[in-house]
N, C-alpha and C. Protein backbone atom coordinates (compact mmCIF):
# COMPACT_ATOMS: atom_id res chain seq x y z
N MET A 1 49.14 47.17 180.38
CA MET A 1 49.45 46.24 179.31
C MET A 1 49.83 47.01 178.04
N MET A 2 50.79 46.47 177.31
CA MET A 2 51.24 47.14 176.09
C MET A 2 50.17 47.04 175.00
N GLU A 3 50.02 48.13 174.28
CA GLU A 3 49.03 48.19 173.21
C GLU A 3 49.49 47.35 172.01
N GLU A 4 48.62 46.49 171.53
CA GLU A 4 48.96 45.67 170.37
C GLU A 4 48.40 46.30 169.11
N VAL A 5 49.23 47.08 168.46
CA VAL A 5 48.88 47.76 167.22
C VAL A 5 50.01 47.48 166.24
N THR A 6 49.67 47.07 165.06
CA THR A 6 50.70 46.79 164.06
C THR A 6 51.21 48.10 163.47
N THR A 7 52.51 48.31 163.62
CA THR A 7 53.17 49.49 163.07
C THR A 7 54.19 49.03 162.06
N TRP A 8 54.19 49.67 160.90
CA TRP A 8 55.25 49.42 159.93
C TRP A 8 56.28 50.52 160.06
N VAL A 9 57.54 50.12 160.15
CA VAL A 9 58.66 51.06 160.21
C VAL A 9 59.37 50.96 158.86
N VAL A 10 59.40 52.09 158.15
CA VAL A 10 60.00 52.12 156.82
C VAL A 10 61.26 52.97 156.90
N ALA A 11 62.39 52.35 156.60
CA ALA A 11 63.67 53.06 156.53
C ALA A 11 64.01 53.18 155.05
N ALA A 12 64.08 54.41 154.57
CA ALA A 12 64.26 54.60 153.13
C ALA A 12 65.24 55.72 152.85
N ASP A 13 65.78 55.66 151.65
CA ASP A 13 66.49 56.80 151.07
C ASP A 13 66.09 56.79 149.60
N GLY A 14 66.79 57.48 148.76
CA GLY A 14 66.40 57.52 147.36
C GLY A 14 66.77 56.29 146.58
N ARG A 15 67.37 55.31 147.23
CA ARG A 15 67.90 54.13 146.57
C ARG A 15 67.27 52.83 147.04
N GLN A 16 66.89 52.77 148.30
CA GLN A 16 66.31 51.53 148.82
C GLN A 16 65.37 51.84 149.98
N ALA A 17 64.46 50.91 150.19
CA ALA A 17 63.52 51.03 151.31
C ALA A 17 63.38 49.65 151.94
N ARG A 18 63.53 49.60 153.24
CA ARG A 18 63.32 48.35 153.97
C ARG A 18 62.14 48.56 154.89
N VAL A 19 61.32 47.53 155.01
CA VAL A 19 60.11 47.60 155.80
C VAL A 19 60.19 46.59 156.93
N PHE A 20 59.84 47.06 158.12
CA PHE A 20 59.82 46.22 159.31
C PHE A 20 58.45 46.34 159.95
N GLU A 21 58.06 45.29 160.64
CA GLU A 21 56.79 45.31 161.36
C GLU A 21 57.07 45.28 162.86
N GLU A 22 56.39 46.17 163.55
CA GLU A 22 56.45 46.21 165.01
C GLU A 22 55.04 45.82 165.47
N ARG A 23 54.91 44.62 166.04
CA ARG A 23 53.58 44.10 166.37
C ARG A 23 53.04 44.64 167.69
N MET A 24 53.94 45.15 168.52
CA MET A 24 53.55 45.74 169.78
C MET A 24 54.41 46.99 169.98
N HIS A 25 53.78 48.09 170.42
CA HIS A 25 54.50 49.35 170.60
C HIS A 25 55.75 49.11 171.45
N GLY A 26 56.91 49.45 170.92
CA GLY A 26 58.17 49.26 171.64
C GLY A 26 58.71 47.85 171.54
N GLY A 27 58.03 46.98 170.82
CA GLY A 27 58.46 45.59 170.68
C GLY A 27 59.53 45.44 169.61
N PRO A 28 59.93 44.19 169.36
CA PRO A 28 60.98 43.95 168.36
C PRO A 28 60.50 44.27 166.94
N LEU A 29 61.46 44.58 166.09
CA LEU A 29 61.17 44.83 164.68
C LEU A 29 61.36 43.53 163.90
N HIS A 30 60.37 43.20 163.09
CA HIS A 30 60.43 42.00 162.26
C HIS A 30 60.55 42.44 160.81
N PRO A 31 61.64 42.04 160.11
CA PRO A 31 61.80 42.44 158.72
C PRO A 31 60.69 41.86 157.84
N LEU A 32 60.26 42.65 156.88
CA LEU A 32 59.27 42.21 155.89
C LEU A 32 59.93 42.33 154.51
N PRO A 33 60.82 41.38 154.18
CA PRO A 33 61.58 41.51 152.93
C PRO A 33 60.69 41.54 151.69
N GLN A 34 59.50 40.97 151.76
CA GLN A 34 58.62 40.98 150.59
C GLN A 34 58.15 42.38 150.25
N TYR A 35 58.27 43.34 151.19
CA TYR A 35 57.86 44.72 150.92
C TYR A 35 59.06 45.64 150.72
N SER A 36 60.27 45.13 150.90
CA SER A 36 61.47 45.95 150.71
C SER A 36 61.70 46.16 149.22
N ILE A 37 62.19 47.35 148.88
CA ILE A 37 62.33 47.74 147.47
C ILE A 37 63.73 48.31 147.26
N ASP A 38 64.30 47.99 146.11
CA ASP A 38 65.62 48.48 145.73
C ASP A 38 65.47 49.23 144.41
N ALA A 39 66.02 50.42 144.32
CA ALA A 39 65.87 51.25 143.11
C ALA A 39 66.76 50.81 141.97
N GLU A 40 67.79 50.07 142.25
CA GLU A 40 68.81 49.78 141.25
C GLU A 40 68.26 49.32 139.91
N SER A 41 67.39 48.36 139.90
CA SER A 41 66.97 47.82 138.62
C SER A 41 65.85 48.60 137.95
N GLN A 42 64.81 48.96 138.67
CA GLN A 42 63.63 49.49 138.01
C GLN A 42 63.66 50.98 137.74
N ASP A 43 64.49 51.75 138.41
CA ASP A 43 64.39 53.19 138.28
C ASP A 43 65.46 53.83 137.43
N ARG A 44 66.26 53.03 136.78
CA ARG A 44 67.21 53.59 135.83
C ARG A 44 66.51 53.73 134.48
N PRO A 45 66.81 54.78 133.73
CA PRO A 45 66.09 54.99 132.47
C PRO A 45 66.28 53.83 131.49
N ASP A 46 67.37 53.11 131.58
CA ASP A 46 67.62 52.01 130.65
C ASP A 46 67.43 50.66 131.32
N ALA A 47 66.65 50.61 132.38
CA ALA A 47 66.52 49.38 133.16
C ALA A 47 66.03 48.21 132.33
N HIS A 48 65.20 48.49 131.35
CA HIS A 48 64.64 47.39 130.57
C HIS A 48 65.34 47.20 129.23
N ALA A 49 66.43 47.93 129.04
CA ALA A 49 67.17 47.82 127.78
C ALA A 49 67.86 46.47 127.70
N HIS A 50 67.98 45.99 126.51
CA HIS A 50 68.68 44.73 126.29
C HIS A 50 70.15 44.93 126.67
N ARG A 51 70.78 43.96 127.22
CA ARG A 51 72.14 44.09 127.73
C ARG A 51 73.16 44.41 126.63
N ALA A 52 72.88 44.09 125.40
CA ALA A 52 73.87 44.27 124.35
C ALA A 52 73.66 45.55 123.53
N THR A 53 72.94 46.49 124.06
CA THR A 53 72.71 47.73 123.32
C THR A 53 73.97 48.58 123.30
N VAL A 54 74.01 49.48 122.34
CA VAL A 54 75.14 50.40 122.23
C VAL A 54 75.25 51.25 123.49
N ARG A 55 74.10 51.66 124.03
CA ARG A 55 74.13 52.50 125.23
C ARG A 55 74.86 51.79 126.36
N ASP A 56 74.59 50.50 126.55
CA ASP A 56 75.26 49.76 127.61
C ASP A 56 76.76 49.69 127.36
N ARG A 57 77.13 49.37 126.14
CA ARG A 57 78.56 49.27 125.84
C ARG A 57 79.24 50.63 125.98
N ALA A 58 78.48 51.70 125.78
CA ALA A 58 79.05 53.04 125.88
C ALA A 58 79.13 53.50 127.34
N GLY A 59 78.63 52.70 128.26
CA GLY A 59 78.77 53.04 129.66
C GLY A 59 77.59 53.73 130.28
N PHE A 60 76.43 53.73 129.62
CA PHE A 60 75.29 54.43 130.18
C PHE A 60 74.34 53.52 130.95
N GLY A 61 74.62 52.27 131.04
CA GLY A 61 73.69 51.38 131.72
C GLY A 61 74.26 50.82 133.00
N GLY A 62 73.37 50.57 133.98
CA GLY A 62 73.73 49.87 135.22
C GLY A 62 74.84 50.54 135.99
N GLY A 63 75.56 49.75 136.77
CA GLY A 63 76.68 50.26 137.53
C GLY A 63 76.26 50.92 138.82
N ASP A 64 77.19 51.57 139.48
CA ASP A 64 76.93 52.21 140.76
C ASP A 64 76.85 53.72 140.64
N LYS A 65 76.42 54.21 139.50
CA LYS A 65 76.28 55.65 139.33
C LYS A 65 75.19 56.17 140.26
N PRO A 66 75.34 57.39 140.74
CA PRO A 66 74.29 57.94 141.62
C PRO A 66 73.00 58.14 140.84
N LEU A 67 71.90 57.96 141.54
CA LEU A 67 70.60 58.17 140.92
C LEU A 67 70.32 59.67 140.82
N THR A 68 69.60 60.06 139.79
CA THR A 68 69.22 61.46 139.66
C THR A 68 68.03 61.73 140.58
N GLN A 69 67.70 62.99 140.78
CA GLN A 69 66.53 63.33 141.59
C GLN A 69 65.26 62.78 140.98
N ILE A 70 65.19 62.75 139.65
CA ILE A 70 64.01 62.19 138.98
C ILE A 70 63.89 60.70 139.27
N GLN A 71 65.00 59.99 139.21
CA GLN A 71 64.99 58.55 139.51
C GLN A 71 64.63 58.31 140.98
N GLU A 72 65.17 59.14 141.87
CA GLU A 72 64.84 59.01 143.29
C GLU A 72 63.34 59.24 143.51
N ARG A 73 62.80 60.27 142.88
CA ARG A 73 61.36 60.56 143.03
C ARG A 73 60.53 59.39 142.50
N ARG A 74 60.92 58.86 141.35
CA ARG A 74 60.20 57.72 140.77
C ARG A 74 60.23 56.53 141.75
N PHE A 75 61.41 56.28 142.32
CA PHE A 75 61.54 55.18 143.27
C PHE A 75 60.67 55.42 144.51
N LEU A 76 60.75 56.63 145.08
CA LEU A 76 59.99 56.93 146.30
C LEU A 76 58.48 56.93 146.03
N THR A 77 58.08 57.30 144.83
CA THR A 77 56.66 57.21 144.46
C THR A 77 56.23 55.75 144.48
N ARG A 78 57.09 54.87 143.99
CA ARG A 78 56.79 53.43 144.01
C ARG A 78 56.69 52.93 145.45
N VAL A 79 57.58 53.40 146.33
CA VAL A 79 57.52 53.03 147.75
C VAL A 79 56.17 53.47 148.33
N ALA A 80 55.76 54.70 148.04
CA ALA A 80 54.48 55.21 148.54
C ALA A 80 53.32 54.36 148.03
N GLN A 81 53.39 53.93 146.78
CA GLN A 81 52.32 53.09 146.22
C GLN A 81 52.24 51.74 146.95
N VAL A 82 53.38 51.16 147.27
CA VAL A 82 53.40 49.90 148.03
C VAL A 82 52.78 50.11 149.40
N LEU A 83 53.14 51.22 150.06
CA LEU A 83 52.58 51.51 151.38
C LEU A 83 51.08 51.77 151.31
N ASP A 84 50.64 52.49 150.29
CA ASP A 84 49.20 52.73 150.12
C ASP A 84 48.44 51.41 149.96
N ALA A 85 48.97 50.51 149.14
CA ALA A 85 48.30 49.23 148.90
C ALA A 85 48.26 48.40 150.19
N ALA A 86 49.34 48.41 150.96
CA ALA A 86 49.39 47.65 152.22
C ALA A 86 48.43 48.26 153.24
N ALA A 87 48.33 49.58 153.28
CA ALA A 87 47.40 50.24 154.20
C ALA A 87 45.98 49.89 153.82
N GLU A 88 45.68 49.94 152.54
CA GLU A 88 44.34 49.61 152.04
C GLU A 88 43.97 48.17 152.39
N ALA A 89 44.96 47.29 152.38
CA ALA A 89 44.74 45.87 152.70
C ALA A 89 44.71 45.61 154.21
N GLY A 90 44.93 46.66 155.01
CA GLY A 90 44.87 46.51 156.46
C GLY A 90 46.09 45.85 157.08
N ARG A 91 47.23 45.93 156.41
CA ARG A 91 48.46 45.29 156.92
C ARG A 91 49.04 46.01 158.14
N PHE A 92 48.75 47.31 158.29
CA PHE A 92 49.27 48.06 159.44
C PHE A 92 48.28 49.15 159.83
N GLU A 93 48.35 49.53 161.11
CA GLU A 93 47.51 50.63 161.61
C GLU A 93 48.31 51.93 161.71
N ARG A 94 49.59 51.80 162.03
CA ARG A 94 50.46 52.97 162.18
C ARG A 94 51.67 52.82 161.29
N LEU A 95 52.24 53.97 160.94
CA LEU A 95 53.38 54.01 160.03
C LEU A 95 54.46 54.93 160.60
N VAL A 96 55.69 54.46 160.54
CA VAL A 96 56.85 55.27 160.93
C VAL A 96 57.75 55.38 159.71
N LEU A 97 58.10 56.60 159.34
CA LEU A 97 58.99 56.84 158.20
C LEU A 97 60.30 57.41 158.70
N LEU A 98 61.38 56.75 158.38
CA LEU A 98 62.73 57.21 158.73
C LEU A 98 63.49 57.35 157.42
N ALA A 99 63.80 58.58 157.04
CA ALA A 99 64.44 58.81 155.74
C ALA A 99 65.14 60.16 155.76
N PRO A 100 66.10 60.37 154.84
CA PRO A 100 66.69 61.70 154.70
C PRO A 100 65.59 62.71 154.38
N ALA A 101 65.80 63.95 154.72
CA ALA A 101 64.76 64.98 154.62
C ALA A 101 64.12 65.05 153.24
N ARG A 102 64.92 65.04 152.17
CA ARG A 102 64.34 65.14 150.83
C ARG A 102 63.46 63.94 150.53
N ALA A 103 63.94 62.74 150.86
CA ALA A 103 63.15 61.52 150.63
C ALA A 103 61.88 61.53 151.46
N LEU A 104 61.98 62.02 152.69
CA LEU A 104 60.82 62.11 153.57
C LEU A 104 59.76 63.03 152.97
N GLY A 105 60.19 64.14 152.41
CA GLY A 105 59.27 65.08 151.78
C GLY A 105 58.55 64.46 150.60
N VAL A 106 59.27 63.71 149.78
CA VAL A 106 58.65 63.06 148.63
C VAL A 106 57.65 62.00 149.11
N LEU A 107 58.05 61.19 150.08
CA LEU A 107 57.15 60.16 150.59
C LEU A 107 55.86 60.78 151.14
N ARG A 108 56.00 61.82 151.95
CA ARG A 108 54.81 62.49 152.51
C ARG A 108 53.89 62.98 151.40
N ALA A 109 54.49 63.58 150.37
CA ALA A 109 53.70 64.15 149.27
C ALA A 109 53.03 63.07 148.43
N GLU A 110 53.65 61.92 148.29
CA GLU A 110 53.15 60.87 147.41
C GLU A 110 52.17 59.92 148.08
N LEU A 111 52.19 59.84 149.40
CA LEU A 111 51.26 58.94 150.10
C LEU A 111 49.82 59.40 149.95
N ASP A 112 48.92 58.46 149.79
CA ASP A 112 47.50 58.75 149.80
C ASP A 112 47.16 59.37 151.15
N PRO A 113 46.27 60.36 151.21
CA PRO A 113 45.93 60.98 152.50
C PRO A 113 45.47 59.96 153.56
N LYS A 114 44.78 58.90 153.13
CA LYS A 114 44.33 57.89 154.10
C LYS A 114 45.53 57.16 154.72
N THR A 115 46.56 56.94 153.93
CA THR A 115 47.77 56.31 154.45
C THR A 115 48.54 57.30 155.30
N ALA A 116 48.64 58.54 154.84
CA ALA A 116 49.39 59.57 155.56
C ALA A 116 48.83 59.79 156.97
N ARG A 117 47.52 59.62 157.14
CA ARG A 117 46.92 59.79 158.47
C ARG A 117 47.41 58.74 159.46
N ARG A 118 47.97 57.66 158.98
CA ARG A 118 48.48 56.59 159.85
C ARG A 118 49.89 56.87 160.36
N ILE A 119 50.52 57.93 159.85
CA ILE A 119 51.90 58.21 160.25
C ILE A 119 51.94 58.59 161.73
N GLU A 120 52.67 57.81 162.48
CA GLU A 120 52.88 58.07 163.91
C GLU A 120 54.09 58.99 164.07
N VAL A 121 55.15 58.67 163.36
CA VAL A 121 56.40 59.43 163.43
C VAL A 121 56.99 59.46 162.03
N ASP A 122 57.45 60.63 161.62
CA ASP A 122 58.29 60.71 160.42
C ASP A 122 59.48 61.57 160.80
N ALA A 123 60.64 60.96 160.73
CA ALA A 123 61.84 61.63 161.22
C ALA A 123 62.94 61.59 160.16
N PRO A 124 63.56 62.76 159.92
CA PRO A 124 64.68 62.76 158.98
C PRO A 124 65.88 62.03 159.57
N ARG A 125 66.54 61.27 158.72
CA ARG A 125 67.76 60.56 159.11
C ARG A 125 68.81 60.85 158.06
N ASP A 126 70.00 61.19 158.49
CA ASP A 126 71.08 61.44 157.54
C ASP A 126 71.70 60.15 157.05
N LYS A 127 71.79 59.18 157.92
CA LYS A 127 72.40 57.90 157.58
C LYS A 127 71.36 56.99 156.95
N SER A 128 71.80 56.16 156.04
CA SER A 128 70.86 55.22 155.44
C SER A 128 71.11 53.81 155.94
N SER A 129 71.78 53.69 157.10
CA SER A 129 72.00 52.36 157.66
C SER A 129 70.65 51.73 157.98
N LEU A 130 70.50 50.50 157.55
CA LEU A 130 69.23 49.83 157.72
C LEU A 130 69.34 48.65 158.68
N ALA A 131 70.41 48.59 159.46
CA ALA A 131 70.55 47.51 160.43
C ALA A 131 69.44 47.64 161.48
N GLU A 132 68.87 46.51 161.85
CA GLU A 132 67.72 46.53 162.75
C GLU A 132 68.01 47.23 164.08
N GLU A 133 69.18 46.99 164.66
CA GLU A 133 69.46 47.63 165.95
C GLU A 133 69.61 49.14 165.82
N VAL A 134 70.15 49.59 164.69
CA VAL A 134 70.27 51.03 164.43
C VAL A 134 68.88 51.63 164.26
N LEU A 135 68.01 50.91 163.55
CA LEU A 135 66.64 51.39 163.35
C LEU A 135 65.88 51.44 164.67
N ARG A 136 66.05 50.46 165.51
CA ARG A 136 65.37 50.44 166.81
C ARG A 136 65.76 51.69 167.59
N ASP A 137 67.06 52.01 167.63
CA ASP A 137 67.53 53.21 168.34
C ASP A 137 66.95 54.48 167.70
N ALA A 138 66.95 54.53 166.36
CA ALA A 138 66.42 55.70 165.66
C ALA A 138 64.92 55.86 165.92
N LEU A 139 64.21 54.74 165.96
CA LEU A 139 62.78 54.77 166.22
C LEU A 139 62.49 55.29 167.63
N GLN A 140 63.24 54.79 168.61
CA GLN A 140 63.04 55.26 169.98
C GLN A 140 63.34 56.74 170.10
N ALA A 141 64.42 57.20 169.49
CA ALA A 141 64.77 58.62 169.54
C ALA A 141 63.70 59.47 168.86
N ALA A 142 63.18 59.01 167.73
CA ALA A 142 62.16 59.75 167.01
C ALA A 142 60.87 59.84 167.81
N ARG A 143 60.52 58.76 168.49
CA ARG A 143 59.29 58.79 169.30
C ARG A 143 59.45 59.73 170.49
N ILE A 144 60.61 59.76 171.08
CA ILE A 144 60.84 60.67 172.20
C ILE A 144 60.76 62.12 171.73
N ALA A 145 61.32 62.40 170.54
CA ALA A 145 61.34 63.76 170.00
C ALA A 145 59.95 64.25 169.62
N HIS A 146 59.06 63.34 169.24
CA HIS A 146 57.70 63.73 168.85
C HIS A 146 56.87 63.80 170.08
């Protein structure tokens, strides 16, 4: 019989993180949009600036500019905090992290040791595609590799 253990699969990069729940090992992934995080609004230095500031008119606010490493770290630290709180609340027993190598390193470093012990697989991914079928394939490949 298949083991029924709740695993959270987190697909992240420095810009966004999507969280899925796998209720049975090898089972379907269920999106958890309430735990998904987007860096766009909160991790820009002027995120809380009023829209009519000189900085905004001068082109320093919003847009699709790439995030700096500091902004990425701030975002990934926030992702780790969300995961720590969910682990503390007993939302999952196992954790799978799929992220580019740099993001994976930050997540590992920022997770509370109690949460980090729940990591079943952490695998670097170059692509940030978050489509469920792509994640399922990446998860299976990562489990085979570990």
